[in-house]
Amino acid sequence: MAPLSAELNELLRQSRIESVATSLREDIGNGDITAALIPRDRRGTARAITRVPAVIAGQAWVDEVFRQVDPEVQVQWEVRDGEQVTANQVLFTCEGPARSLLTAERAALNWLQTLSGVATRCRQFADQVAHTGVKLLDTRKTLPGLRLAEKYAVTCGGCYNHRTGLWDAFLIKENHIAACGSIAAAVSQARQIAPGRPVEVETENMNELQQALDAGADIIMLDEFSLEDMATAVRKVAGACRLEASGGINESTLVAIAETGVDYISLGTLTKDVQAVDLSMRLHVDNSPAPG
């Protein structure tokens, strides 16, 4: 797992608290009427398993769900984020008031199955290009409201984060260039607006690549370049800046692109085309009479 900066860790912590609260509000509303069937003092234990092989991500979100529902619930993890697990493996166990376990169940599993789905997909892609030096990057194509959570899951799967949003790095595209007048003008203005922020320029041909190189871009995006042109770009740049391949990349083209020698490949599919991991939580309720 690639470590997150202190700034992103704090943003992630705040986002986790808020987004878990939102997920509980939409599920519980003004009260879990089905859990109310169970006596208030009845206690239970539960364990969560995965029905399929997966890479786990989302432990802190599960913990936060149970914390917000009932701080009395104790959660014990059997795995770590970023760990590859097998079908039917126990992920965590929990103990506490039976009502609270049932109320928290769906929200906790929703977070874990979604983020583990992202991590699992990322690991599949990362494994394909492990023999190269390329880093696979996510994009801003994330589920609304889940940007930071999904980007965290990407790192659990062995891939890397592109910019978090529109505030932490420049990505100068065709429309920005047209509005500024040229690639050189756009890069120059970016250096003045936010000195120290990374400046990336999207290019569509070798002429634009040369302009971005001359302008001093930190990263040049090769948008839908052919394999031949990517390899030429790698030789031309010769380490003067970083090169990122992007645009229409999928599992069938990924390895060949990585082998051209580009530094990065960005893939929206890491976060937007994800299948949730199939999880299950089984509850055991202590029905013995209360002492006394």
Protein backbone atom coordinates (compact mmCIF):
# COMPACT_ATOMS: atom_id res chain seq x y z
CA MET A 1 0.00 0.00 0.00
CA ALA A 2 1.32 3.42 -0.95
CA PRO A 3 1.27 5.73 2.11
CA LEU A 4 -1.01 8.77 2.04
CA SER A 5 0.20 12.24 2.98
CA ALA A 6 -0.76 13.71 6.35
CA GLU A 7 -3.08 16.15 4.57
CA LEU A 8 -4.89 13.40 2.70
CA ASN A 9 -5.10 11.24 5.80
CA GLU A 10 -6.91 14.02 7.65
CA LEU A 11 -9.24 14.66 4.71
CA LEU A 12 -9.91 10.93 4.55
CA ARG A 13 -10.70 10.75 8.28
CA GLN A 14 -13.19 13.62 8.06
CA SER A 15 -14.75 12.21 4.89
CA ARG A 16 -15.11 8.77 6.49
CA ILE A 17 -17.00 10.10 9.49
CA GLU A 18 -19.35 12.16 7.31
CA SER A 19 -19.97 9.52 4.65
CA VAL A 20 -20.60 6.75 7.19
CA ALA A 21 -23.11 9.01 8.95
CA THR A 22 -24.85 9.58 5.61
CA SER A 23 -24.98 5.86 4.88
CA LEU A 24 -26.53 5.19 8.28
CA ARG A 25 -29.12 7.94 7.92
CA GLU A 26 -30.31 6.60 4.60
CA ASP A 27 -30.55 3.06 6.00
CA ILE A 28 -31.89 3.60 9.50
CA GLY A 29 -34.05 6.69 9.04
CA ASN A 30 -35.94 7.30 12.29
CA GLY A 31 -35.25 3.81 13.65
CA ASP A 32 -34.66 0.15 12.82
CA ILE A 33 -38.12 -1.29 13.43
CA THR A 34 -37.09 -4.87 12.63
CA ALA A 35 -34.22 -4.91 15.11
CA ALA A 36 -36.71 -3.68 17.71
CA LEU A 37 -38.23 -7.17 17.65
CA ILE A 38 -35.24 -8.32 19.69
CA PRO A 39 -35.14 -7.59 23.44
CA ARG A 40 -32.94 -4.61 24.21
CA ASP A 41 -30.71 -6.56 26.61
CA ARG A 42 -30.12 -9.51 24.22
CA ARG A 43 -26.47 -9.85 23.19
CA GLY A 44 -24.94 -11.49 20.18
CA THR A 45 -21.80 -12.30 18.25
CA ALA A 46 -21.30 -12.20 14.50
CA ARG A 47 -18.66 -12.99 11.95
CA ALA A 48 -18.24 -11.68 8.43
CA ILE A 49 -16.87 -13.83 5.63
CA THR A 50 -16.10 -13.34 1.98
CA ARG A 51 -17.69 -15.79 -0.44
CA VAL A 52 -15.07 -15.13 -3.12
CA PRO A 53 -11.32 -14.40 -3.31
CA ALA A 54 -10.67 -10.68 -2.84
CA VAL A 55 -8.29 -7.95 -1.74
CA ILE A 56 -9.64 -6.30 1.39
CA ALA A 57 -10.14 -2.57 1.84
CA GLY A 58 -12.41 -0.63 4.18
CA GLN A 59 -11.57 -1.74 7.71
CA ALA A 60 -11.79 1.80 9.13
CA TRP A 61 -15.21 2.33 7.51
CA VAL A 62 -16.59 -0.82 9.13
CA ASP A 63 -15.19 0.24 12.49
CA GLU A 64 -16.75 3.68 12.06
CA VAL A 65 -20.17 2.20 11.25
CA PHE A 66 -20.23 0.16 14.45
CA ARG A 67 -18.84 3.09 16.45
CA GLN A 68 -21.60 5.40 15.27
CA VAL A 69 -24.34 2.80 15.77
CA ASP A 70 -23.18 1.66 19.20
CA PRO A 71 -19.74 2.24 20.77
CA GLU A 72 -20.35 -0.83 22.93
CA VAL A 73 -19.86 -3.14 19.93
CA GLN A 74 -16.39 -4.69 19.85
CA VAL A 75 -14.91 -5.53 16.44
CA GLN A 76 -12.00 -7.94 16.04
CA TRP A 77 -10.28 -8.07 12.64
CA GLU A 78 -8.74 -11.26 11.26
CA VAL A 79 -7.26 -9.59 8.16
CA ARG A 80 -5.66 -6.28 7.16
CA ASP A 81 -6.43 -3.83 4.39
CA GLY A 82 -4.46 -4.78 1.29
CA GLU A 83 -4.48 -8.48 2.18
CA GLN A 84 -5.50 -11.09 -0.37
CA VAL A 85 -8.15 -13.43 1.09
CA THR A 86 -9.71 -16.67 -0.07
CA ALA A 87 -13.34 -17.72 -0.38
CA ASN A 88 -15.09 -18.36 2.96
CA GLN A 89 -12.31 -16.72 4.96
CA VAL A 90 -13.38 -14.91 8.14
CA LEU A 91 -12.71 -11.18 7.86
CA PHE A 92 -13.87 -9.92 11.24
CA THR A 93 -15.92 -10.89 14.26
CA CYS A 94 -17.96 -8.58 16.46
CA GLU A 95 -19.77 -8.77 19.78
CA GLY A 96 -22.32 -6.56 21.48
CA PRO A 97 -26.05 -5.82 21.75
CA ALA A 98 -27.82 -7.94 19.13
CA ARG A 99 -29.97 -5.01 18.00
CA SER A 100 -26.87 -2.93 17.26
CA LEU A 101 -25.16 -5.73 15.32
CA LEU A 102 -28.20 -6.14 13.08
CA THR A 103 -28.71 -2.42 12.56
CA ALA A 104 -25.08 -1.88 11.55
CA GLU A 105 -24.74 -5.01 9.41
CA ARG A 106 -25.79 -3.74 5.99
CA ALA A 107 -23.99 -0.41 6.12
CA ALA A 108 -20.78 -2.08 7.33
CA LEU A 109 -20.88 -4.71 4.59
CA ASN A 110 -21.77 -2.15 1.93
CA TRP A 111 -18.62 -0.19 2.69
CA LEU A 112 -16.42 -3.26 2.88
CA GLN A 113 -17.76 -4.92 -0.28
CA THR A 114 -17.51 -1.73 -2.33
CA LEU A 115 -14.01 -0.71 -1.29
CA SER A 116 -12.76 -4.29 -1.48
CA GLY A 117 -14.19 -4.43 -5.00
CA VAL A 118 -12.01 -1.45 -5.95
CA ALA A 119 -8.93 -2.96 -4.29
CA THR A 120 -9.50 -6.33 -5.94
CA ARG A 121 -9.82 -4.82 -9.40
CA CYS A 122 -6.72 -2.71 -8.86
CA ARG A 123 -4.68 -5.73 -7.81
CA GLN A 124 -5.75 -7.59 -10.95
CA PHE A 125 -4.51 -4.73 -13.13
CA ALA A 126 -1.34 -4.14 -11.10
CA ASP A 127 -0.36 -7.81 -11.33
CA GLN A 128 -0.54 -7.67 -15.13
CA VAL A 129 2.16 -4.99 -15.34
CA ALA A 130 4.28 -5.99 -12.34
CA HIS A 131 7.16 -6.89 -14.68
CA THR A 132 7.43 -3.26 -15.85
CA GLY A 133 8.22 -0.03 -14.01
CA VAL A 134 4.87 1.61 -14.75
CA LYS A 135 2.56 2.95 -12.05
CA LEU A 136 -1.17 2.60 -12.60
CA LEU A 137 -3.13 5.70 -11.62
CA ASP A 138 -6.78 6.24 -10.80
CA THR A 139 -8.75 9.23 -12.12
CA ARG A 140 -11.57 11.55 -10.97
CA LYS A 141 -14.11 9.06 -12.37
CA THR A 142 -15.31 8.01 -8.94
CA LEU A 143 -18.70 7.42 -7.35
CA PRO A 144 -20.12 10.78 -6.18
CA GLY A 145 -19.34 11.31 -2.52
CA LEU A 146 -16.88 8.41 -2.38
CA ARG A 147 -13.81 10.04 -3.99
CA LEU A 148 -11.43 9.73 -1.06
CA ALA A 149 -12.68 6.32 0.04
CA GLU A 150 -12.23 4.86 -3.44
CA LYS A 151 -8.81 6.45 -3.82
CA TYR A 152 -7.78 4.88 -0.53
CA ALA A 153 -8.98 1.48 -1.80
CA VAL A 154 -6.91 1.96 -4.97
CA THR A 155 -3.75 2.08 -2.85
CA CYS A 156 -4.83 -1.10 -1.03
CA GLY A 157 -4.87 -2.83 -4.40
CA GLY A 158 -1.34 -1.79 -5.32
CA CYS A 159 -2.16 1.10 -7.66
CA TYR A 160 -1.61 4.83 -7.16
CA ASN A 161 -3.55 8.05 -6.89
CA HIS A 162 -3.64 10.74 -9.55
CA ARG A 163 -4.67 14.18 -8.35
CA THR A 164 -7.36 14.13 -5.67
CA GLY A 165 -9.47 16.80 -7.33
CA LEU A 166 -9.26 20.11 -9.12
CA TRP A 167 -7.34 21.79 -6.31
CA ASP A 168 -4.12 19.85 -5.79
CA ALA A 169 -2.59 19.60 -9.29
CA PHE A 170 -2.97 21.11 -12.75
CA LEU A 171 -4.18 19.00 -15.65
CA ILE A 172 -4.21 21.28 -18.67
CA LYS A 173 -6.46 19.90 -21.40
CA GLU A 174 -7.51 20.95 -24.89
CA ASN A 175 -10.11 23.49 -23.74
CA HIS A 176 -7.74 25.06 -21.22
CA ILE A 177 -5.09 25.43 -23.93
CA ALA A 178 -7.57 27.01 -26.33
CA ALA A 179 -8.72 29.48 -23.68
CA CYS A 180 -5.15 30.42 -22.71
CA GLY A 181 -3.89 30.70 -26.29
CA SER A 182 -1.14 28.08 -26.22
CA ILE A 183 0.43 25.30 -24.18
CA ALA A 184 3.30 27.57 -23.20
CA ALA A 185 0.94 30.30 -21.98
CA ALA A 186 -1.12 27.80 -19.97
CA VAL A 187 1.94 26.31 -18.27
CA SER A 188 3.35 29.75 -17.52
CA GLN A 189 0.10 30.89 -15.92
CA ALA A 190 -0.12 27.69 -13.89
CA ARG A 191 3.34 28.36 -12.41
CA GLN A 192 2.21 31.82 -11.36
CA ILE A 193 -1.18 30.77 -9.94
CA ALA A 194 0.06 27.92 -7.73
CA PRO A 195 3.84 27.63 -7.55
CA GLY A 196 4.92 24.16 -6.52
CA ARG A 197 1.78 22.39 -7.71
CA PRO A 198 2.42 19.67 -10.32
CA VAL A 199 1.64 20.77 -13.88
CA GLU A 200 0.47 18.15 -16.35
CA VAL A 201 -0.42 18.81 -19.98
CA GLU A 202 -2.63 16.60 -22.14
CA THR A 203 -1.29 16.14 -25.67
CA GLU A 204 -2.77 14.45 -28.71
CA ASN A 205 0.19 14.35 -31.10
CA MET A 206 3.97 14.67 -31.30
CA ASN A 207 3.82 18.40 -32.07
CA GLU A 208 1.89 19.10 -28.86
CA LEU A 209 4.26 16.80 -26.98
CA GLN A 210 7.20 18.96 -28.07
CA GLN A 211 5.37 22.15 -27.03
CA ALA A 212 4.62 20.71 -23.57
CA LEU A 213 8.23 19.59 -23.23
CA ASP A 214 9.55 23.02 -24.23
CA ALA A 215 7.13 24.67 -21.78
CA GLY A 216 8.56 22.66 -18.89
CA ALA A 217 5.57 20.51 -17.98
CA ASP A 218 6.18 18.13 -15.10
CA ILE A 219 4.05 15.41 -16.65
CA ILE A 220 2.88 15.01 -20.24
CA MET A 221 -0.23 12.97 -20.90
CA LEU A 222 -0.25 10.98 -24.13
CA ASP A 223 -3.93 10.88 -25.02
CA GLU A 224 -4.76 7.92 -27.25
CA PHE A 225 -1.27 7.77 -28.79
CA SER A 226 -0.45 4.69 -30.83
CA LEU A 227 2.01 2.20 -29.33
CA GLU A 228 4.62 3.32 -31.84
CA ASP A 229 4.17 6.98 -30.93
CA MET A 230 4.30 6.19 -27.21
CA ALA A 231 7.63 4.44 -27.66
CA THR A 232 8.88 7.38 -29.72
CA ALA A 233 7.73 9.80 -27.01
CA VAL A 234 9.63 7.83 -24.35
CA ARG A 235 12.83 8.08 -26.40
CA LYS A 236 12.25 11.76 -27.19
CA VAL A 237 11.59 12.85 -23.62
CA ALA A 238 14.43 10.69 -22.27
CA GLY A 239 13.51 11.31 -18.63
CA ALA A 240 13.16 15.10 -18.92
CA CYS A 241 9.64 14.76 -17.53
CA ARG A 242 7.17 12.02 -16.71
CA LEU A 243 4.91 10.49 -19.35
CA GLU A 244 1.37 9.27 -18.69
CA ALA A 245 -0.62 7.15 -21.15
CA SER A 246 -4.37 7.67 -21.10
CA GLY A 247 -7.51 7.21 -23.14
CA GLY A 248 -9.42 4.02 -23.94
CA ILE A 249 -6.99 1.71 -22.15
CA ASN A 250 -8.36 -1.68 -21.11
CA GLU A 251 -7.16 -5.12 -20.03
CA SER A 252 -6.35 -6.16 -23.59
CA THR A 253 -4.09 -3.17 -24.29
CA LEU A 254 -2.65 -2.53 -20.82
CA VAL A 255 0.46 -4.70 -20.95
CA ALA A 256 1.61 -3.52 -24.38
CA ILE A 257 1.27 0.10 -23.29
CA ALA A 258 3.18 -0.53 -20.06
CA GLU A 259 5.99 -2.13 -22.06
CA THR A 260 6.53 1.06 -24.11
CA GLY A 261 8.30 2.53 -21.08
CA VAL A 262 5.80 5.22 -20.04
CA ASP A 263 5.92 6.18 -16.37
CA TYR A 264 2.19 6.14 -15.67
CA ILE A 265 -1.03 4.73 -17.07
CA SER A 266 -4.29 6.30 -15.90
CA LEU A 267 -7.46 4.19 -15.90
CA GLY A 268 -10.94 5.35 -15.01
CA THR A 269 -12.00 1.71 -14.87
CA LEU A 270 -10.14 1.23 -11.57
CA THR A 271 -12.95 3.05 -9.76
CA LYS A 272 -15.93 3.36 -12.08
CA ASP A 273 -16.34 -0.22 -13.37
CA VAL A 274 -16.18 -2.11 -10.11
CA GLN A 275 -18.05 -5.20 -8.95
CA ALA A 276 -18.68 -5.37 -5.22
CA VAL A 277 -17.21 -8.35 -3.38
CA ASP A 278 -19.77 -10.90 -2.17
CA LEU A 279 -19.73 -10.82 1.65
CA SER A 280 -21.90 -12.32 4.36
CA MET A 281 -22.35 -11.73 8.08
CA ARG A 282 -23.80 -14.45 10.31
CA LEU A 283 -25.24 -13.59 13.72
CA HIS A 284 -25.50 -15.77 16.80
CA VAL A 285 -27.80 -14.46 19.51
CA ASP A 286 -27.45 -15.46 23.14
CA ASN A 287 -30.99 -16.51 24.09
CA SER A 288 -30.14 -17.69 27.57
CA PRO A 289 -32.08 -15.92 30.32
CA ALA A 290 -30.44 -12.93 31.94
CA PRO A 291 -28.91 -13.70 35.37
CA GLY A 292 -30.87 -12.81 38.48
